[in-house]
């Protein structure tokens, strides 16, 4: 069985760019996956993350030649040191690279269909989240614009009041100056 986990991270951008973070088994699918993503996204930078956990899909190989060489060297060492010991199978199996476990890298058509479907579903979910986030931002910016308009109106009112005060003080000073000038001429 194969367990897949697919996630997409999107950042707004001018061009459409996809950065793949895939297991090496899926390297040949990049073009198909990019095509699937382009059906949902027209622009932006996308990071596609896929993790694959395949149980029961490993090959175990035995390096018999290495095991024989190791056994011969072990016995020769015993003779040279004049020590008697016979290694066990457990000892030989612990020698690095005698037993090698390698994951199978072939992917079935069913798995290819599954990854394509999961990528499409993740793209749709990511797009819905982008839309939700965009609407939340629009609403927030709209509220900020309304507040800014209100503040602007308050500032205009304050400006008009301040200008009225300045004009009143200027006229009062002018009258006072003219009145002093009139008294000085009389």
C-alpha atoms as a PDB file:
ATOM      1  CA  UNK A   1       0.000   0.000   0.000  1.00  0.00           C
ATOM      2  CA  UNK A   2       1.026   3.574  -0.624  1.00  0.00           C
ATOM      3  CA  UNK A   3       0.120   6.510   1.599  1.00  0.00           C
ATOM      4  CA  UNK A   4       0.402   9.913  -0.039  1.00  0.00           C
ATOM      5  CA  UNK A   5       0.267  13.342   1.518  1.00  0.00           C
ATOM      6  CA  UNK A   6      -0.130  16.296  -0.841  1.00  0.00           C
ATOM      7  CA  UNK A   7      -0.058  19.979   0.089  1.00  0.00           C
ATOM      8  CA  UNK A   8       0.278  23.195  -1.853  1.00  0.00           C
ATOM      9  CA  UNK A   9       1.580  26.546  -0.727  1.00  0.00           C
ATOM     10  CA  UNK A  10       0.723  29.484  -2.984  1.00  0.00           C
ATOM     11  CA  UNK A  11       2.169  32.979  -3.076  1.00  0.00           C
ATOM     12  CA  UNK A  12       0.806  35.705  -5.308  1.00  0.00           C
ATOM     13  CA  UNK A  13       3.071  36.456  -8.236  1.00  0.00           C
ATOM     14  CA  UNK A  14       3.075  37.847 -11.717  1.00  0.00           C
ATOM     15  CA  UNK A  15       3.952  34.603 -13.482  1.00  0.00           C
ATOM     16  CA  UNK A  16       2.971  30.969 -13.075  1.00  0.00           C
ATOM     17  CA  UNK A  17       5.785  29.020 -11.439  1.00  0.00           C
ATOM     18  CA  UNK A  18       5.708  25.631  -9.732  1.00  0.00           C
ATOM     19  CA  UNK A  19       8.425  24.375  -7.396  1.00  0.00           C
ATOM     20  CA  UNK A  20       8.245  20.631  -6.865  1.00  0.00           C
ATOM     21  CA  UNK A  21       9.127  18.870  -3.626  1.00  0.00           C
ATOM     22  CA  UNK A  22       8.499  15.278  -4.683  1.00  0.00           C
ATOM     23  CA  UNK A  23       9.911  11.843  -3.984  1.00  0.00           C
ATOM     24  CA  UNK A  24      12.308  10.887  -6.760  1.00  0.00           C
ATOM     25  CA  UNK A  25       9.852   8.239  -7.970  1.00  0.00           C
ATOM     26  CA  UNK A  26       7.582  11.058  -9.153  1.00  0.00           C
ATOM     27  CA  UNK A  27      10.204  13.090 -11.005  1.00  0.00           C
ATOM     28  CA  UNK A  28       8.786  11.951 -14.344  1.00  0.00           C
ATOM     29  CA  UNK A  29       5.336  13.261 -13.411  1.00  0.00           C
ATOM     30  CA  UNK A  30       6.333  16.915 -12.983  1.00  0.00           C
ATOM     31  CA  UNK A  31       5.031  18.032 -16.369  1.00  0.00           C
ATOM     32  CA  UNK A  32       1.669  16.262 -15.852  1.00  0.00           C
ATOM     33  CA  UNK A  33       1.327  17.730 -12.376  1.00  0.00           C
ATOM     34  CA  UNK A  34       2.198  21.237 -13.593  1.00  0.00           C
ATOM     35  CA  UNK A  35      -0.440  20.876 -16.285  1.00  0.00           C
ATOM     36  CA  UNK A  36      -3.016  19.805 -13.672  1.00  0.00           C
ATOM     37  CA  UNK A  37      -2.131  22.810 -11.506  1.00  0.00           C
ATOM     38  CA  UNK A  38      -2.390  25.229 -14.429  1.00  0.00           C
ATOM     39  CA  UNK A  39      -6.077  24.303 -14.761  1.00  0.00           C
ATOM     40  CA  UNK A  40      -6.723  25.908 -11.366  1.00  0.00           C
ATOM     41  CA  UNK A  41      -4.027  28.603 -11.155  1.00  0.00           C
ATOM     42  CA  UNK A  42      -3.217  31.181 -13.820  1.00  0.00           C
ATOM     43  CA  UNK A  43      -0.404  32.900 -11.954  1.00  0.00           C
ATOM     44  CA  UNK A  44       1.562  32.826  -8.741  1.00  0.00           C
ATOM     45  CA  UNK A  45       4.348  30.752  -7.267  1.00  0.00           C
ATOM     46  CA  UNK A  46       3.275  27.342  -6.050  1.00  0.00           C
ATOM     47  CA  UNK A  47       5.195  24.920  -3.875  1.00  0.00           C
ATOM     48  CA  UNK A  48       3.889  21.380  -4.338  1.00  0.00           C
ATOM     49  CA  UNK A  49       4.826  19.022  -1.507  1.00  0.00           C
ATOM     50  CA  UNK A  50       4.252  15.296  -1.872  1.00  0.00           C
ATOM     51  CA  UNK A  51       5.346  12.712   0.650  1.00  0.00           C
ATOM     52  CA  UNK A  52       5.088   9.028  -0.125  1.00  0.00           C
ATOM     53  CA  UNK A  53       5.081   6.214   2.386  1.00  0.00           C
ATOM     54  CA  UNK A  54       5.073   2.890   0.594  1.00  0.00           C
ATOM     55  CA  UNK A  55       4.854  -0.136   2.834  1.00  0.00           C
ATOM     56  CA  UNK A  56       5.631  -3.555   1.427  1.00  0.00           C
ATOM     57  CA  UNK A  57       7.296  -2.132  -1.642  1.00  0.00           C
ATOM     58  CA  UNK A  58      10.937  -2.761  -0.869  1.00  0.00           C
ATOM     59  CA  UNK A  59      13.425  -5.178  -2.346  1.00  0.00           C
ATOM     60  CA  UNK A  60      15.889  -7.001  -0.120  1.00  0.00           C
ATOM     61  CA  UNK A  61      19.061  -8.194  -1.780  1.00  0.00           C
ATOM     62  CA  UNK A  62      21.916 -10.251  -0.373  1.00  0.00           C
ATOM     63  CA  UNK A  63      25.517  -9.564  -1.307  1.00  0.00           C
ATOM     64  CA  UNK A  64      26.719 -13.175  -0.988  1.00  0.00           C
ATOM     65  CA  UNK A  65      30.194 -12.416  -2.366  1.00  0.00           C
ATOM     66  CA  UNK A  66      30.762  -9.769   0.304  1.00  0.00           C
ATOM     67  CA  UNK A  67      29.526 -12.180   3.024  1.00  0.00           C
ATOM     68  CA  UNK A  68      31.954 -14.866   1.831  1.00  0.00           C
ATOM     69  CA  UNK A  69      34.866 -12.413   1.725  1.00  0.00           C
ATOM     70  CA  UNK A  70      34.025 -11.182   5.207  1.00  0.00           C
ATOM     71  CA  UNK A  71      33.788 -14.760   6.546  1.00  0.00           C
ATOM     72  CA  UNK A  72      37.153 -15.685   5.010  1.00  0.00           C
ATOM     73  CA  UNK A  73      38.783 -12.553   6.475  1.00  0.00           C
ATOM     74  CA  UNK A  74      37.228 -13.285   9.880  1.00  0.00           C
ATOM     75  CA  UNK A  75      38.581 -16.844   9.905  1.00  0.00           C
ATOM     76  CA  UNK A  76      42.025 -15.671   8.706  1.00  0.00           C
ATOM     77  CA  UNK A  77      42.109 -13.122  11.534  1.00  0.00           C
ATOM     78  CA  UNK A  78      41.252 -15.892  14.017  1.00  0.00           C
ATOM     79  CA  UNK A  79      44.136 -18.054  12.681  1.00  0.00           C
ATOM     80  CA  UNK A  80      46.639 -15.183  12.812  1.00  0.00           C
ATOM     81  CA  UNK A  81      45.630 -14.290  16.353  1.00  0.00           C
ATOM     82  CA  UNK A  82      45.409 -17.958  17.308  1.00  0.00           C
ATOM     83  CA  UNK A  83      41.872 -17.485  18.552  1.00  0.00           C
ATOM     84  CA  UNK A  84      39.031 -19.856  17.875  1.00  0.00           C
ATOM     85  CA  UNK A  85      35.656 -18.423  17.105  1.00  0.00           C
ATOM     86  CA  UNK A  86      33.077 -19.148  14.493  1.00  0.00           C
ATOM     87  CA  UNK A  87      30.843 -16.248  13.441  1.00  0.00           C
ATOM     88  CA  UNK A  88      27.096 -16.654  13.490  1.00  0.00           C
ATOM     89  CA  UNK A  89      24.722 -15.815  10.681  1.00  0.00           C
ATOM     90  CA  UNK A  90      23.508 -12.907  12.809  1.00  0.00           C
ATOM     91  CA  UNK A  91      27.050 -11.461  12.862  1.00  0.00           C
ATOM     92  CA  UNK A  92      27.423 -11.761   9.098  1.00  0.00           C
ATOM     93  CA  UNK A  93      24.001 -10.193   8.473  1.00  0.00           C
ATOM     94  CA  UNK A  94      25.061  -7.140  10.510  1.00  0.00           C
ATOM     95  CA  UNK A  95      27.990  -6.399   8.224  1.00  0.00           C
ATOM     96  CA  UNK A  96      27.156  -3.227   6.288  1.00  0.00           C
ATOM     97  CA  UNK A  97      25.922  -3.879   2.754  1.00  0.00           C
ATOM     98  CA  UNK A  98      25.592  -7.669   3.136  1.00  0.00           C
ATOM     99  CA  UNK A  99      21.824  -7.201   3.373  1.00  0.00           C
ATOM    100  CA  UNK A 100      20.542  -4.259   1.371  1.00  0.00           C
ATOM    101  CA  UNK A 101      17.010  -2.937   1.474  1.00  0.00           C
ATOM    102  CA  UNK A 102      15.998  -0.681  -1.398  1.00  0.00           C
ATOM    103  CA  UNK A 103      12.574   0.751  -2.095  1.00  0.00           C
ATOM    104  CA  UNK A 104      10.985  -0.233  -5.360  1.00  0.00           C
ATOM    105  CA  UNK A 105      10.883   2.771  -7.573  1.00  0.00           C
ATOM    106  CA  UNK A 106       8.325   1.648 -10.104  1.00  0.00           C
ATOM    107  CA  UNK A 107       4.964   3.345  -9.776  1.00  0.00           C
ATOM    108  CA  UNK A 108       1.771   1.697 -10.889  1.00  0.00           C
ATOM    109  CA  UNK A 109      -0.782   3.360 -13.138  1.00  0.00           C
ATOM    110  CA  UNK A 110      -3.190   3.337 -10.211  1.00  0.00           C
ATOM    111  CA  UNK A 111      -0.681   5.277  -8.117  1.00  0.00           C
ATOM    112  CA  UNK A 112      -0.142   7.771 -10.962  1.00  0.00           C
ATOM    113  CA  UNK A 113      -3.897   8.354 -11.182  1.00  0.00           C
ATOM    114  CA  UNK A 114      -4.070   8.721  -7.399  1.00  0.00           C
ATOM    115  CA  UNK A 115      -1.316  11.360  -7.270  1.00  0.00           C
ATOM    116  CA  UNK A 116      -2.914  13.333 -10.116  1.00  0.00           C
ATOM    117  CA  UNK A 117      -6.294  13.240  -8.375  1.00  0.00           C
ATOM    118  CA  UNK A 118      -4.794  14.277  -5.020  1.00  0.00           C
ATOM    119  CA  UNK A 119      -2.887  17.150  -6.622  1.00  0.00           C
ATOM    120  CA  UNK A 120      -6.088  18.372  -8.326  1.00  0.00           C
ATOM    121  CA  UNK A 121      -8.004  18.152  -5.036  1.00  0.00           C
ATOM    122  CA  UNK A 122      -5.225  20.000  -3.185  1.00  0.00           C
ATOM    123  CA  UNK A 123      -5.221  22.684  -5.904  1.00  0.00           C
ATOM    124  CA  UNK A 124      -8.976  23.198  -5.549  1.00  0.00           C
ATOM    125  CA  UNK A 125      -8.700  23.370  -1.751  1.00  0.00           C
ATOM    126  CA  UNK A 126      -5.815  25.838  -2.002  1.00  0.00           C
ATOM    127  CA  UNK A 127      -7.761  27.972  -4.477  1.00  0.00           C
ATOM    128  CA  UNK A 128     -10.827  28.035  -2.177  1.00  0.00           C
ATOM    129  CA  UNK A 129      -8.593  29.136   0.694  1.00  0.00           C
ATOM    130  CA  UNK A 130      -7.062  31.858  -1.488  1.00  0.00           C
ATOM    131  CA  UNK A 131     -10.560  33.082  -2.378  1.00  0.00           C
ATOM    132  CA  UNK A 132     -11.612  33.075   1.283  1.00  0.00           C
ATOM    133  CA  UNK A 133      -8.470  34.925   2.282  1.00  0.00           C
ATOM    134  CA  UNK A 134      -8.926  37.410  -0.578  1.00  0.00           C
ATOM    135  CA  UNK A 135     -12.494  38.130   0.525  1.00  0.00           C
ATOM    136  CA  UNK A 136     -11.337  38.622   4.130  1.00  0.00           C
ATOM    137  CA  UNK A 137      -8.656  41.058   2.927  1.00  0.00           C
ATOM    138  CA  UNK A 138     -11.176  42.907   0.730  1.00  0.00           C
ATOM    139  CA  UNK A 139     -13.548  43.267   3.690  1.00  0.00           C
ATOM    140  CA  UNK A 140     -10.763  44.466   5.979  1.00  0.00           C
ATOM    141  CA  UNK A 141      -9.455  46.978   3.410  1.00  0.00           C
ATOM    142  CA  UNK A 142     -13.000  48.241   2.832  1.00  0.00           C
ATOM    143  CA  UNK A 143     -13.384  48.895   6.573  1.00  0.00           C
ATOM    144  CA  UNK A 144     -10.032  50.694   6.638  1.00  0.00           C
ATOM    145  CA  UNK A 145     -11.077  52.866   3.666  1.00  0.00           C
ATOM    146  CA  UNK A 146     -14.344  53.764   5.422  1.00  0.00           C
ATOM    147  CA  UNK A 147     -12.393  54.729   8.556  1.00  0.00           C
ATOM    148  CA  UNK A 148      -9.972  56.775   6.444  1.00  0.00           C
ATOM    149  CA  UNK A 149     -12.860  58.640   4.776  1.00  0.00           C
ATOM    150  CA  UNK A 150     -14.375  59.376   8.190  1.00  0.00           C
ATOM    151  CA  UNK A 151     -11.039  60.657   9.487  1.00  0.00           C
ATOM    152  CA  UNK A 152     -10.615  62.778   6.367  1.00  0.00           C
ATOM    153  CA  UNK A 153     -14.048  64.335   6.903  1.00  0.00           C
ATOM    154  CA  UNK A 154     -13.184  65.056  10.543  1.00  0.00           C
ATOM    155  CA  UNK A 155      -9.931  66.677   9.457  1.00  0.00           C
ATOM    156  CA  UNK A 156     -11.774  68.845   6.914  1.00  0.00           C
ATOM    157  CA  UNK A 157     -14.191  69.959   9.640  1.00  0.00           C
ATOM    158  CA  UNK A 158     -11.273  70.712  11.968  1.00  0.00           C
ATOM    159  CA  UNK A 159      -9.523  72.622   9.164  1.00  0.00           C
ATOM    160  CA  UNK A 160     -12.631  74.706   8.469  1.00  0.00           C
ATOM    161  CA  UNK A 161     -13.031  75.428  12.192  1.00  0.00           C
ATOM    162  CA  UNK A 162      -9.344  76.333  12.542  1.00  0.00           C
ATOM    163  CA  UNK A 163      -9.476  78.564   9.458  1.00  0.00           C
ATOM    164  CA  UNK A 164     -12.585  80.283  10.858  1.00  0.00           C
ATOM    165  CA  UNK A 165     -10.805  80.892  14.146  1.00  0.00           C
ATOM    166  CA  UNK A 166      -7.719  82.256  12.367  1.00  0.00           C
ATOM    167  CA  UNK A 167      -9.849  84.512  10.177  1.00  0.00           C
ATOM    168  CA  UNK A 168     -11.767  85.812  13.245  1.00  0.00           C
ATOM    169  CA  UNK A 169      -8.507  86.531  15.108  1.00  0.00           C
ATOM    170  CA  UNK A 170      -7.061  88.239  12.015  1.00  0.00           C
ATOM    171  CA  UNK A 171     -10.148  90.477  11.642  1.00  0.00           C
ATOM    172  CA  UNK A 172     -10.128  91.293  15.363  1.00  0.00           C
ATOM    173  CA  UNK A 173      -6.468  92.319  15.135  1.00  0.00           C
ATOM    174  CA  UNK A 174      -7.135  94.300  11.983  1.00  0.00           C
ATOM    175  CA  UNK A 175     -10.007  96.174  13.657  1.00  0.00           C
ATOM    176  CA  UNK A 176      -7.893  96.762  16.718  1.00  0.00           C
ATOM    177  CA  UNK A 177      -5.030  98.048  14.546  1.00  0.00           C
ATOM    178  CA  UNK A 178      -7.347 100.300  12.538  1.00  0.00           C
ATOM    179  CA  UNK A 179      -8.981 101.583  15.693  1.00  0.00           C
ATOM    180  CA  UNK A 180      -5.540 102.483  17.149  1.00  0.00           C
ATOM    181  CA  UNK A 181      -4.579 104.120  13.898  1.00  0.00           C
ATOM    182  CA  UNK A 182      -7.826 106.142  13.959  1.00  0.00           C
ATOM    183  CA  UNK A 183      -7.171 107.230  17.541  1.00  0.00           C
ATOM    184  CA  UNK A 184      -3.656 108.293  16.634  1.00  0.00           C
ATOM    185  CA  UNK A 185      -4.889 110.491  13.774  1.00  0.00           C
ATOM    186  CA  UNK A 186      -7.518 112.214  15.850  1.00  0.00           C
END
